[in-house]
């Protein structure tokens, strides 16, 4: 939930408490942030590319940010090995969680090797999301690990750029992808050359090469909301 949606909901229901919850089917909830808790400097950080503020992890969950090794099975780790994988505040990596309400495995064990690992016998779940913990212990989302762009300019997660794009009222949905060694920001909006220039200026720090407009971005069939990055890549390569 981007800040502008939280603001719109708060406007519609001024006497209510609007809270954005971060979680997944395997672990719900993980963290939450109330609209009233998001401060001016947080909004500025989101506009600057830090990602999406998701708030403090709930008391019932253990959450760590570890080195991004998405796509590689982690297996079993000792406490010391796990500690060596954990990153410090401000460093972006893979979000992993454990707790009584975190799913310990899938039916028939299908998918466990890719998304579960053990630390001294305790099961941890790999969310597949990247993010960081700030100095106050709050979680910021950076995007899906699988959507990370690796090119000659380095590695970048898309969500920081997408958060900035979503501050523009004309943008309905957005996604940043790597295409032929170019960083492309795709926006679901009416074609507007001035908007493209403004978007490029707003995300100059991310070295985006171009903005493309689409009438509708493809989304995954299960959620009907999350951008389907593989399908988007196929559409862009055909265009």
C-alpha atoms as a PDB file:
ATOM      1  CA  UNK A   1       0.000   0.000   0.000  1.00  0.00           C
ATOM      2  CA  UNK A   2       1.623   3.195  -1.199  1.00  0.00           C
ATOM      3  CA  UNK A   3       1.333   6.379   0.902  1.00  0.00           C
ATOM      4  CA  UNK A   4      -1.148   8.037  -1.431  1.00  0.00           C
ATOM      5  CA  UNK A   5      -3.613   5.159  -0.921  1.00  0.00           C
ATOM      6  CA  UNK A   6      -3.215   5.404   2.846  1.00  0.00           C
ATOM      7  CA  UNK A   7      -3.831   9.140   2.635  1.00  0.00           C
ATOM      8  CA  UNK A   8      -6.930   8.625   0.477  1.00  0.00           C
ATOM      9  CA  UNK A   9      -8.360   6.059   2.889  1.00  0.00           C
ATOM     10  CA  UNK A  10      -7.665   8.322   5.861  1.00  0.00           C
ATOM     11  CA  UNK A  11      -9.452  11.162   4.078  1.00  0.00           C
ATOM     12  CA  UNK A  12     -12.457   8.952   3.399  1.00  0.00           C
ATOM     13  CA  UNK A  13     -12.578   7.779   7.015  1.00  0.00           C
ATOM     14  CA  UNK A  14     -10.965  10.541   9.114  1.00  0.00           C
ATOM     15  CA  UNK A  15     -12.001   8.995  12.457  1.00  0.00           C
ATOM     16  CA  UNK A  16     -10.597   5.567  11.659  1.00  0.00           C
ATOM     17  CA  UNK A  17      -7.131   4.135  12.158  1.00  0.00           C
ATOM     18  CA  UNK A  18      -5.681   3.167   8.769  1.00  0.00           C
ATOM     19  CA  UNK A  19      -2.934   0.541   8.962  1.00  0.00           C
ATOM     20  CA  UNK A  20      -0.942  -1.064   6.152  1.00  0.00           C
ATOM     21  CA  UNK A  21      -0.009  -4.662   6.954  1.00  0.00           C
ATOM     22  CA  UNK A  22       2.925  -6.490   5.369  1.00  0.00           C
ATOM     23  CA  UNK A  23       2.750 -10.261   5.298  1.00  0.00           C
ATOM     24  CA  UNK A  24       2.290 -13.300   3.092  1.00  0.00           C
ATOM     25  CA  UNK A  25       0.280 -16.484   2.922  1.00  0.00           C
ATOM     26  CA  UNK A  26       3.065 -18.222   4.851  1.00  0.00           C
ATOM     27  CA  UNK A  27       3.466 -15.515   7.493  1.00  0.00           C
ATOM     28  CA  UNK A  28       0.689 -13.063   8.293  1.00  0.00           C
ATOM     29  CA  UNK A  29       1.333 -10.534   9.706  1.00  0.00           C
ATOM     30  CA  UNK A  30       5.026  -9.672   9.511  1.00  0.00           C
ATOM     31  CA  UNK A  31       5.023  -5.903  10.032  1.00  0.00           C
ATOM     32  CA  UNK A  32       2.606  -3.012   9.975  1.00  0.00           C
ATOM     33  CA  UNK A  33       2.617   0.769   9.719  1.00  0.00           C
ATOM     34  CA  UNK A  34      -0.199   3.109  10.619  1.00  0.00           C
ATOM     35  CA  UNK A  35      -0.860   6.048   8.334  1.00  0.00           C
ATOM     36  CA  UNK A  36      -0.362   8.371  11.318  1.00  0.00           C
ATOM     37  CA  UNK A  37       3.077   6.843  11.987  1.00  0.00           C
ATOM     38  CA  UNK A  38       4.548   7.809   8.612  1.00  0.00           C
ATOM     39  CA  UNK A  39       6.431  11.054   9.140  1.00  0.00           C
ATOM     40  CA  UNK A  40       7.484  13.756   6.689  1.00  0.00           C
ATOM     41  CA  UNK A  41      11.056  12.493   6.648  1.00  0.00           C
ATOM     42  CA  UNK A  42       9.789   8.978   5.868  1.00  0.00           C
ATOM     43  CA  UNK A  43       7.875  10.292   2.863  1.00  0.00           C
ATOM     44  CA  UNK A  44      11.002  12.149   1.761  1.00  0.00           C
ATOM     45  CA  UNK A  45      13.040   8.949   2.075  1.00  0.00           C
ATOM     46  CA  UNK A  46      10.498   7.068  -0.057  1.00  0.00           C
ATOM     47  CA  UNK A  47      10.660   9.798  -2.688  1.00  0.00           C
ATOM     48  CA  UNK A  48      14.445   9.465  -2.531  1.00  0.00           C
ATOM     49  CA  UNK A  49      14.386   5.768  -3.314  1.00  0.00           C
ATOM     50  CA  UNK A  50      14.759   4.071   0.060  1.00  0.00           C
ATOM     51  CA  UNK A  51      11.777   1.844  -0.627  1.00  0.00           C
ATOM     52  CA  UNK A  52       8.376   1.392   0.979  1.00  0.00           C
ATOM     53  CA  UNK A  53       8.116   1.786   4.740  1.00  0.00           C
ATOM     54  CA  UNK A  54       6.342  -1.237   6.223  1.00  0.00           C
ATOM     55  CA  UNK A  55       6.838  -0.382   9.888  1.00  0.00           C
ATOM     56  CA  UNK A  56       7.995  -2.342  12.888  1.00  0.00           C
ATOM     57  CA  UNK A  57       7.906  -6.152  12.779  1.00  0.00           C
ATOM     58  CA  UNK A  58       5.164  -7.588  14.988  1.00  0.00           C
ATOM     59  CA  UNK A  59       6.224  -8.956  18.371  1.00  0.00           C
ATOM     60  CA  UNK A  60       5.309 -12.519  17.364  1.00  0.00           C
ATOM     61  CA  UNK A  61       7.813 -12.753  14.514  1.00  0.00           C
ATOM     62  CA  UNK A  62      11.573 -13.010  14.306  1.00  0.00           C
ATOM     63  CA  UNK A  63      12.790 -11.062  11.290  1.00  0.00           C
ATOM     64  CA  UNK A  64      16.256 -10.745   9.818  1.00  0.00           C
ATOM     65  CA  UNK A  65      17.714  -9.298   6.640  1.00  0.00           C
ATOM     66  CA  UNK A  66      20.346 -11.613   5.207  1.00  0.00           C
ATOM     67  CA  UNK A  67      22.619 -11.618   2.188  1.00  0.00           C
ATOM     68  CA  UNK A  68      20.546 -12.000  -0.967  1.00  0.00           C
ATOM     69  CA  UNK A  69      21.132 -15.533  -2.209  1.00  0.00           C
ATOM     70  CA  UNK A  70      17.685 -15.974  -3.748  1.00  0.00           C
ATOM     71  CA  UNK A  71      17.562 -18.986  -6.057  1.00  0.00           C
ATOM     72  CA  UNK A  72      20.171 -20.889  -4.026  1.00  0.00           C
ATOM     73  CA  UNK A  73      19.062 -23.326  -1.303  1.00  0.00           C
ATOM     74  CA  UNK A  74      20.348 -22.370   2.152  1.00  0.00           C
ATOM     75  CA  UNK A  75      20.076 -25.742   3.887  1.00  0.00           C
ATOM     76  CA  UNK A  76      20.879 -25.933   7.609  1.00  0.00           C
ATOM     77  CA  UNK A  77      22.936 -23.275   9.376  1.00  0.00           C
ATOM     78  CA  UNK A  78      24.508 -23.008  12.782  1.00  0.00           C
ATOM     79  CA  UNK A  79      23.851 -19.934  14.904  1.00  0.00           C
ATOM     80  CA  UNK A  80      27.282 -18.557  14.016  1.00  0.00           C
ATOM     81  CA  UNK A  81      26.774 -19.193  10.295  1.00  0.00           C
ATOM     82  CA  UNK A  82      23.392 -17.481  10.421  1.00  0.00           C
ATOM     83  CA  UNK A  83      24.831 -14.492  12.297  1.00  0.00           C
ATOM     84  CA  UNK A  84      27.449 -14.112   9.566  1.00  0.00           C
ATOM     85  CA  UNK A  85      24.669 -13.973   6.950  1.00  0.00           C
ATOM     86  CA  UNK A  86      22.671 -11.276   8.758  1.00  0.00           C
ATOM     87  CA  UNK A  87      23.145  -7.697   7.583  1.00  0.00           C
ATOM     88  CA  UNK A  88      23.393  -4.521   9.602  1.00  0.00           C
ATOM     89  CA  UNK A  89      20.834  -1.702   9.733  1.00  0.00           C
ATOM     90  CA  UNK A  90      20.635   0.125   6.422  1.00  0.00           C
ATOM     91  CA  UNK A  91      21.916  -2.785   4.331  1.00  0.00           C
ATOM     92  CA  UNK A  92      19.530  -4.272   1.764  1.00  0.00           C
ATOM     93  CA  UNK A  93      19.115  -8.023   1.473  1.00  0.00           C
ATOM     94  CA  UNK A  94      16.687 -10.911   1.644  1.00  0.00           C
ATOM     95  CA  UNK A  95      13.941 -10.814   4.288  1.00  0.00           C
ATOM     96  CA  UNK A  96      13.568 -14.019   6.318  1.00  0.00           C
ATOM     97  CA  UNK A  97      11.189 -14.733   9.195  1.00  0.00           C
ATOM     98  CA  UNK A  98      10.463 -17.328  11.870  1.00  0.00           C
ATOM     99  CA  UNK A  99       7.806 -17.729  14.532  1.00  0.00           C
ATOM    100  CA  UNK A 100       4.890 -19.812  15.740  1.00  0.00           C
ATOM    101  CA  UNK A 101       2.570 -18.374  13.065  1.00  0.00           C
ATOM    102  CA  UNK A 102       5.071 -18.863  10.218  1.00  0.00           C
ATOM    103  CA  UNK A 103       4.291 -21.844   7.975  1.00  0.00           C
ATOM    104  CA  UNK A 104       7.011 -24.480   8.615  1.00  0.00           C
ATOM    105  CA  UNK A 105       6.491 -26.350   5.321  1.00  0.00           C
ATOM    106  CA  UNK A 106       4.311 -27.010   2.293  1.00  0.00           C
ATOM    107  CA  UNK A 107       2.093 -29.959   1.433  1.00  0.00           C
ATOM    108  CA  UNK A 108       4.320 -32.853   0.489  1.00  0.00           C
ATOM    109  CA  UNK A 109       7.391 -30.722   1.070  1.00  0.00           C
ATOM    110  CA  UNK A 110       7.115 -29.235  -2.426  1.00  0.00           C
ATOM    111  CA  UNK A 111       8.952 -25.896  -2.366  1.00  0.00           C
ATOM    112  CA  UNK A 112      10.525 -26.357   1.056  1.00  0.00           C
ATOM    113  CA  UNK A 113      14.075 -26.596  -0.262  1.00  0.00           C
ATOM    114  CA  UNK A 114      13.780 -23.256  -2.043  1.00  0.00           C
ATOM    115  CA  UNK A 115      11.939 -21.292   0.650  1.00  0.00           C
ATOM    116  CA  UNK A 116      12.821 -22.863   4.011  1.00  0.00           C
ATOM    117  CA  UNK A 117      16.012 -23.340   5.966  1.00  0.00           C
ATOM    118  CA  UNK A 118      16.912 -24.267   9.516  1.00  0.00           C
ATOM    119  CA  UNK A 119      18.995 -22.447  12.086  1.00  0.00           C
ATOM    120  CA  UNK A 120      19.953 -24.670  14.997  1.00  0.00           C
ATOM    121  CA  UNK A 121      16.840 -26.738  14.236  1.00  0.00           C
ATOM    122  CA  UNK A 122      14.406 -23.782  13.942  1.00  0.00           C
ATOM    123  CA  UNK A 123      12.595 -23.348  10.624  1.00  0.00           C
ATOM    124  CA  UNK A 124      12.962 -19.985   8.894  1.00  0.00           C
ATOM    125  CA  UNK A 125      10.909 -18.844   5.899  1.00  0.00           C
ATOM    126  CA  UNK A 126      12.401 -16.964   2.942  1.00  0.00           C
ATOM    127  CA  UNK A 127       9.817 -14.375   1.916  1.00  0.00           C
ATOM    128  CA  UNK A 128      11.374 -13.750  -1.488  1.00  0.00           C
ATOM    129  CA  UNK A 129      11.247 -10.032  -0.712  1.00  0.00           C
ATOM    130  CA  UNK A 130      14.225  -7.736  -0.344  1.00  0.00           C
ATOM    131  CA  UNK A 131      14.419  -4.928   2.149  1.00  0.00           C
ATOM    132  CA  UNK A 132      16.306  -3.309   4.969  1.00  0.00           C
ATOM    133  CA  UNK A 133      15.895  -2.488   8.634  1.00  0.00           C
ATOM    134  CA  UNK A 134      16.524   1.101   9.618  1.00  0.00           C
ATOM    135  CA  UNK A 135      18.161   2.365  12.801  1.00  0.00           C
ATOM    136  CA  UNK A 136      14.749   2.296  14.534  1.00  0.00           C
ATOM    137  CA  UNK A 137      14.165  -1.350  13.630  1.00  0.00           C
ATOM    138  CA  UNK A 138      11.520  -0.539  11.006  1.00  0.00           C
ATOM    139  CA  UNK A 139      11.275  -2.566   7.818  1.00  0.00           C
ATOM    140  CA  UNK A 140      11.556  -0.982   4.364  1.00  0.00           C
ATOM    141  CA  UNK A 141      10.664  -3.048   1.289  1.00  0.00           C
ATOM    142  CA  UNK A 142      12.941  -2.915  -1.774  1.00  0.00           C
ATOM    143  CA  UNK A 143      11.084  -5.321  -4.080  1.00  0.00           C
ATOM    144  CA  UNK A 144      11.130  -8.967  -5.031  1.00  0.00           C
ATOM    145  CA  UNK A 145      14.543 -10.616  -4.899  1.00  0.00           C
ATOM    146  CA  UNK A 146      13.856 -12.206  -8.282  1.00  0.00           C
ATOM    147  CA  UNK A 147      13.178  -8.752  -9.785  1.00  0.00           C
ATOM    148  CA  UNK A 148      16.603  -7.371  -8.857  1.00  0.00           C
ATOM    149  CA  UNK A 149      18.395  -5.824 -11.812  1.00  0.00           C
ATOM    150  CA  UNK A 150      22.080  -6.667 -12.193  1.00  0.00           C
ATOM    151  CA  UNK A 151      23.936  -4.780 -14.902  1.00  0.00           C
ATOM    152  CA  UNK A 152      27.236  -3.048 -15.565  1.00  0.00           C
ATOM    153  CA  UNK A 153      26.190  -0.222 -13.221  1.00  0.00           C
ATOM    154  CA  UNK A 154      25.613  -2.600 -10.316  1.00  0.00           C
ATOM    155  CA  UNK A 155      22.598  -4.138  -8.625  1.00  0.00           C
ATOM    156  CA  UNK A 156      19.359  -2.303  -7.986  1.00  0.00           C
ATOM    157  CA  UNK A 157      15.993  -3.407  -6.640  1.00  0.00           C
ATOM    158  CA  UNK A 158      12.972  -2.037  -8.499  1.00  0.00           C
ATOM    159  CA  UNK A 159      10.670  -1.062  -5.652  1.00  0.00           C
ATOM    160  CA  UNK A 160      12.570   2.062  -4.647  1.00  0.00           C
ATOM    161  CA  UNK A 161      12.105   3.452  -8.150  1.00  0.00           C
ATOM    162  CA  UNK A 162       8.503   2.276  -8.327  1.00  0.00           C
ATOM    163  CA  UNK A 163       7.679   3.975  -5.008  1.00  0.00           C
ATOM    164  CA  UNK A 164       8.885   7.264  -6.434  1.00  0.00           C
ATOM    165  CA  UNK A 165       6.856   6.800  -9.632  1.00  0.00           C
ATOM    166  CA  UNK A 166       3.729   6.061  -7.592  1.00  0.00           C
ATOM    167  CA  UNK A 167       3.885   9.521  -6.024  1.00  0.00           C
ATOM    168  CA  UNK A 168       2.778  10.907  -9.409  1.00  0.00           C
ATOM    169  CA  UNK A 169      -1.050  11.012  -9.497  1.00  0.00           C
ATOM    170  CA  UNK A 170      -1.204  10.154 -13.211  1.00  0.00           C
ATOM    171  CA  UNK A 171       0.611   6.835 -12.666  1.00  0.00           C
ATOM    172  CA  UNK A 172      -1.802   3.981 -11.964  1.00  0.00           C
ATOM    173  CA  UNK A 173       0.765   1.172 -11.754  1.00  0.00           C
ATOM    174  CA  UNK A 174       4.477   0.908 -12.499  1.00  0.00           C
ATOM    175  CA  UNK A 175       7.381  -1.502 -12.835  1.00  0.00           C
ATOM    176  CA  UNK A 176      11.101  -1.133 -13.421  1.00  0.00           C
ATOM    177  CA  UNK A 177      12.877  -3.796 -15.455  1.00  0.00           C
ATOM    178  CA  UNK A 178      16.207  -4.464 -17.071  1.00  0.00           C
ATOM    179  CA  UNK A 179      15.961  -4.762 -20.852  1.00  0.00           C
ATOM    180  CA  UNK A 180      19.007  -5.239 -23.097  1.00  0.00           C
ATOM    181  CA  UNK A 181      21.295  -3.627 -20.513  1.00  0.00           C
ATOM    182  CA  UNK A 182      18.933  -0.684 -20.183  1.00  0.00           C
ATOM    183  CA  UNK A 183      16.975   0.278 -17.084  1.00  0.00           C
ATOM    184  CA  UNK A 184      13.409   0.834 -18.181  1.00  0.00           C
ATOM    185  CA  UNK A 185      10.633   2.304 -16.055  1.00  0.00           C
ATOM    186  CA  UNK A 186       7.259   1.164 -17.368  1.00  0.00           C
ATOM    187  CA  UNK A 187       4.208   3.091 -16.234  1.00  0.00           C
ATOM    188  CA  UNK A 188       0.521   2.409 -16.615  1.00  0.00           C
ATOM    189  CA  UNK A 189      -0.631   5.874 -17.631  1.00  0.00           C
ATOM    190  CA  UNK A 190      -1.637   7.970 -20.588  1.00  0.00           C
ATOM    191  CA  UNK A 191       1.351   8.753 -22.801  1.00  0.00           C
ATOM    192  CA  UNK A 192       2.755  12.094 -21.703  1.00  0.00           C
ATOM    193  CA  UNK A 193       6.220  13.322 -22.710  1.00  0.00           C
ATOM    194  CA  UNK A 194       6.304  15.864 -19.913  1.00  0.00           C
ATOM    195  CA  UNK A 195       5.481  13.175 -17.345  1.00  0.00           C
ATOM    196  CA  UNK A 196       8.297  11.035 -18.738  1.00  0.00           C
ATOM    197  CA  UNK A 197      10.786  13.878 -18.265  1.00  0.00           C
ATOM    198  CA  UNK A 198       9.580  14.494 -14.715  1.00  0.00           C
ATOM    199  CA  UNK A 199       9.808  10.803 -13.847  1.00  0.00           C
ATOM    200  CA  UNK A 200      13.359  10.530 -15.192  1.00  0.00           C
ATOM    201  CA  UNK A 201      14.364  13.564 -13.142  1.00  0.00           C
ATOM    202  CA  UNK A 202      12.761  12.145  -9.996  1.00  0.00           C
ATOM    203  CA  UNK A 203      14.675   8.850 -10.277  1.00  0.00           C
ATOM    204  CA  UNK A 204      17.946  10.215 -11.647  1.00  0.00           C
ATOM    205  CA  UNK A 205      19.794   8.502  -8.790  1.00  0.00           C
ATOM    206  CA  UNK A 206      18.731   5.110 -10.244  1.00  0.00           C
ATOM    207  CA  UNK A 207      20.185   5.870 -13.701  1.00  0.00           C
ATOM    208  CA  UNK A 208      16.956   4.947 -15.472  1.00  0.00           C
ATOM    209  CA  UNK A 209      17.470   5.031 -19.240  1.00  0.00           C
ATOM    210  CA  UNK A 210      13.905   5.476 -20.443  1.00  0.00           C
ATOM    211  CA  UNK A 211      10.242   5.605 -19.510  1.00  0.00           C
ATOM    212  CA  UNK A 212       7.710   3.550 -21.444  1.00  0.00           C
ATOM    213  CA  UNK A 213       3.948   3.844 -21.256  1.00  0.00           C
ATOM    214  CA  UNK A 214       1.478   0.960 -21.333  1.00  0.00           C
ATOM    215  CA  UNK A 215      -2.307   1.002 -21.189  1.00  0.00           C
ATOM    216  CA  UNK A 216      -2.289  -1.947 -18.769  1.00  0.00           C
ATOM    217  CA  UNK A 217       0.605  -3.684 -17.056  1.00  0.00           C
ATOM    218  CA  UNK A 218       0.310  -7.488 -16.764  1.00  0.00           C
ATOM    219  CA  UNK A 219      -0.409  -8.769 -13.257  1.00  0.00           C
ATOM    220  CA  UNK A 220      -0.220 -12.254 -11.799  1.00  0.00           C
ATOM    221  CA  UNK A 221      -3.432 -14.246 -11.989  1.00  0.00           C
ATOM    222  CA  UNK A 222      -3.366 -15.317  -8.323  1.00  0.00           C
ATOM    223  CA  UNK A 223      -3.301 -11.842  -6.781  1.00  0.00           C
ATOM    224  CA  UNK A 224      -4.568  -9.793  -9.728  1.00  0.00           C
ATOM    225  CA  UNK A 225      -2.464  -6.966  -8.349  1.00  0.00           C
ATOM    226  CA  UNK A 226       1.261  -7.771  -8.371  1.00  0.00           C
ATOM    227  CA  UNK A 227       3.097  -6.972 -11.592  1.00  0.00           C
ATOM    228  CA  UNK A 228       3.997 -10.095 -13.574  1.00  0.00           C
ATOM    229  CA  UNK A 229       7.634  -9.188 -14.302  1.00  0.00           C
ATOM    230  CA  UNK A 230       8.408 -12.189 -16.583  1.00  0.00           C
ATOM    231  CA  UNK A 231       5.326 -11.499 -18.724  1.00  0.00           C
ATOM    232  CA  UNK A 232       6.130  -7.790 -18.791  1.00  0.00           C
ATOM    233  CA  UNK A 233       9.632  -8.603 -20.008  1.00  0.00           C
ATOM    234  CA  UNK A 234       8.231 -10.762 -22.798  1.00  0.00           C
ATOM    235  CA  UNK A 235       5.846  -8.006 -23.872  1.00  0.00           C
ATOM    236  CA  UNK A 236       8.610  -5.411 -23.927  1.00  0.00           C
ATOM    237  CA  UNK A 237      10.942  -7.620 -25.949  1.00  0.00           C
ATOM    238  CA  UNK A 238       8.204  -8.093 -28.555  1.00  0.00           C
ATOM    239  CA  UNK A 239       7.436  -4.388 -28.807  1.00  0.00           C
END
